[in-house]
């Protein structure tokens, strides 16, 4: 039996990614948080300044016999635009960058290979960063499960719901 694994991915606002990955069979949990910056234990307000270097990310805990890291990467490429530098839609800043933080050398190799394969699907070059996970900081409690708790909020209605619809997921 395979051991439980983690993937840490950033593709814009963590609320969007969380809502998508929570619905995947084999995903055990999704935690919104921050990674890739200089500040220890940053707050949402700190990260929003764009000065901490952190990206909004989700840490996905998954069972590799039910969903593979490659499967998660395939979803990742489909759910955001990896060709826009430091931006997803109206969300602009380094905190919204496209990034794969790998946990193991195997994940690094898979991420690089997946990125190269995905490149043919886009008209512009992929700008997604692939880097070793330095440290993950969970976001504040009010960010966790945001879409589930606030499906009628404006951002959820106009940004998250269309992404879920595009991917054929529950909304």
Foldseek 3Di string as FASTA:
>chain_A
DDDKDKWKWFAFAALQVQVVLVQAPFWDHKFWWWFQFDDDQDAPVRVLVLPGRIATIIMTIGDCVRPNLLNVVVVLPLLFPQQDAQDTVPRHHSNRHTEIADADPVSLVSNVVSQVVSQVVDPHHGPYYYHHTPDIHGYDPCSGPVCVVCCPDPCNVPPNVVSCVVVVHDD
